[in-house]
Each structure stands twice: as C-alpha cells, then as structure tokens.
Amino acid sequence: MPFHVRDTEADSLVRELARKRGVGLTEAVKLAVKAELTRDDLEVRRAKVREIQDRIAARGRTGLVADKAFFDDLSGQGDD
C-alpha cells in the first residue's frame, strides 16, 4: 500500500540515505524505519535493565564475599 511524503525535509533525508546506501527510496525508508524500531526496542530493554539494577542497588551490600569457596558451596562441591 503506497503512501506519499509531502514534506521536503523528509524527502531530502530519504534521498540522502538512499544515495549513501546505494539503494532505492523504498529500501531507504525501510532501512530508516527498521533502525528506529530497533532503537526503540533497545531503549525499552535498557529501561528494564536499569529498573532491575536500581532494585538490586536499593537492597544494599551484604558484606559477604562471593569467592570460589562460596560458589563451590552453592554447587555442592564445598569441603564437607
């Protein structure tokens, strides 16, 4: 389904991207939209990670040392 761009700046930007990439106008539009959607998805994931990091940081430090002995004990391979 076609759509028309009636904005001179948008037209100019699409043409510039098409020229730089060596693709047609339709492909340039697809590339630009895909890139923006990917960036939006990445921002959503980053926000979720920041939220988790903030929750973890709010708990504070325990003062415990997570060394080899600690992980060996967790996996059941500690000294008995």
Protein backbone atom coordinates (compact mmCIF):
# COMPACT_ATOMS: atom_id res chain seq x y z
CA MET A 1 0.00 0.00 0.00
CA PRO A 2 1.71 3.24 -1.09
CA PHE A 3 1.99 6.38 0.93
CA HIS A 4 3.15 9.82 -0.11
CA VAL A 5 5.61 12.08 1.64
CA ARG A 6 4.73 15.73 1.25
CA ASP A 7 7.44 17.07 3.49
CA THR A 8 10.52 18.43 1.71
CA GLU A 9 12.87 17.72 4.61
CA ALA A 10 11.70 14.10 4.88
CA ASP A 11 12.07 13.71 1.12
CA SER A 12 15.57 15.13 1.23
CA LEU A 13 16.61 12.89 4.12
CA VAL A 14 15.26 9.74 2.44
CA ARG A 15 17.03 10.63 -0.78
CA GLU A 16 20.29 11.27 1.07
CA LEU A 17 20.09 7.89 2.84
CA ALA A 18 19.26 6.15 -0.45
CA ARG A 19 22.22 7.78 -2.15
CA LYS A 20 24.65 6.95 0.66
CA ARG A 21 23.49 3.33 0.85
CA GLY A 22 23.13 2.87 -2.88
CA VAL A 23 19.51 1.72 -2.60
CA GLY A 24 16.14 2.88 -3.88
CA LEU A 25 13.83 5.21 -2.00
CA THR A 26 11.58 2.41 -0.73
CA GLU A 27 14.54 0.48 0.63
CA ALA A 28 15.89 3.66 2.27
CA VAL A 29 12.56 4.21 4.04
CA LYS A 30 12.51 0.57 5.20
CA LEU A 31 16.10 0.83 6.48
CA ALA A 32 15.35 4.00 8.41
CA VAL A 33 12.14 2.69 9.96
CA LYS A 34 13.72 -0.64 10.92
CA ALA A 35 16.64 1.20 12.54
CA GLU A 36 14.29 3.38 14.59
CA LEU A 37 12.16 0.43 15.69
CA THR A 38 15.29 -1.45 16.73
CA ARG A 39 16.48 1.59 18.68
CA ASP A 40 13.10 1.87 20.41
CA ASP A 41 13.23 -1.81 21.39
CA LEU A 42 16.75 -1.35 22.72
CA GLU A 43 15.67 1.62 24.83
CA VAL A 44 12.82 -0.42 26.34
CA ARG A 45 15.25 -3.23 27.23
CA ARG A 46 17.74 -0.74 28.70
CA ALA A 47 15.00 0.80 30.84
CA LYS A 48 14.05 -2.64 32.17
CA VAL A 49 17.68 -3.41 32.99
CA ARG A 50 18.06 -0.04 34.76
CA GLU A 51 14.94 -0.79 36.81
CA ILE A 52 16.38 -4.16 37.88
CA GLN A 53 19.75 -2.58 38.67
CA ASP A 54 18.07 0.09 40.79
CA ARG A 55 16.09 -2.53 42.74
CA ILE A 56 19.27 -4.51 43.39
CA ALA A 57 21.21 -1.41 44.44
CA ALA A 58 18.41 -0.42 46.83
CA ARG A 59 18.92 -3.63 48.79
CA GLY A 60 22.43 -2.60 49.78
CA ARG A 61 25.52 -4.69 50.18
CA THR A 62 25.63 -7.71 52.49
CA GLY A 63 29.33 -7.59 53.23
CA LEU A 64 29.65 -11.25 52.24
CA VAL A 65 32.45 -12.35 49.94
CA ALA A 66 31.44 -14.24 46.80
CA ASP A 67 34.68 -16.12 46.23
CA LYS A 68 35.44 -19.60 44.90
CA ALA A 69 34.57 -21.24 48.20
CA PHE A 70 31.17 -19.53 48.21
CA PHE A 71 30.32 -20.80 44.71
CA ASP A 72 31.71 -24.26 45.47
CA ASP A 73 29.40 -24.43 48.47
CA LEU A 74 26.40 -23.35 46.38
CA SER A 75 27.08 -26.07 43.83
CA GLY A 76 27.52 -28.73 46.48
CA GLN A 77 31.24 -29.09 45.86
CA GLY A 78 32.39 -27.41 49.05
CA ASP A 79 34.56 -29.10 51.65
CA ASP A 80 32.44 -31.38 53.80
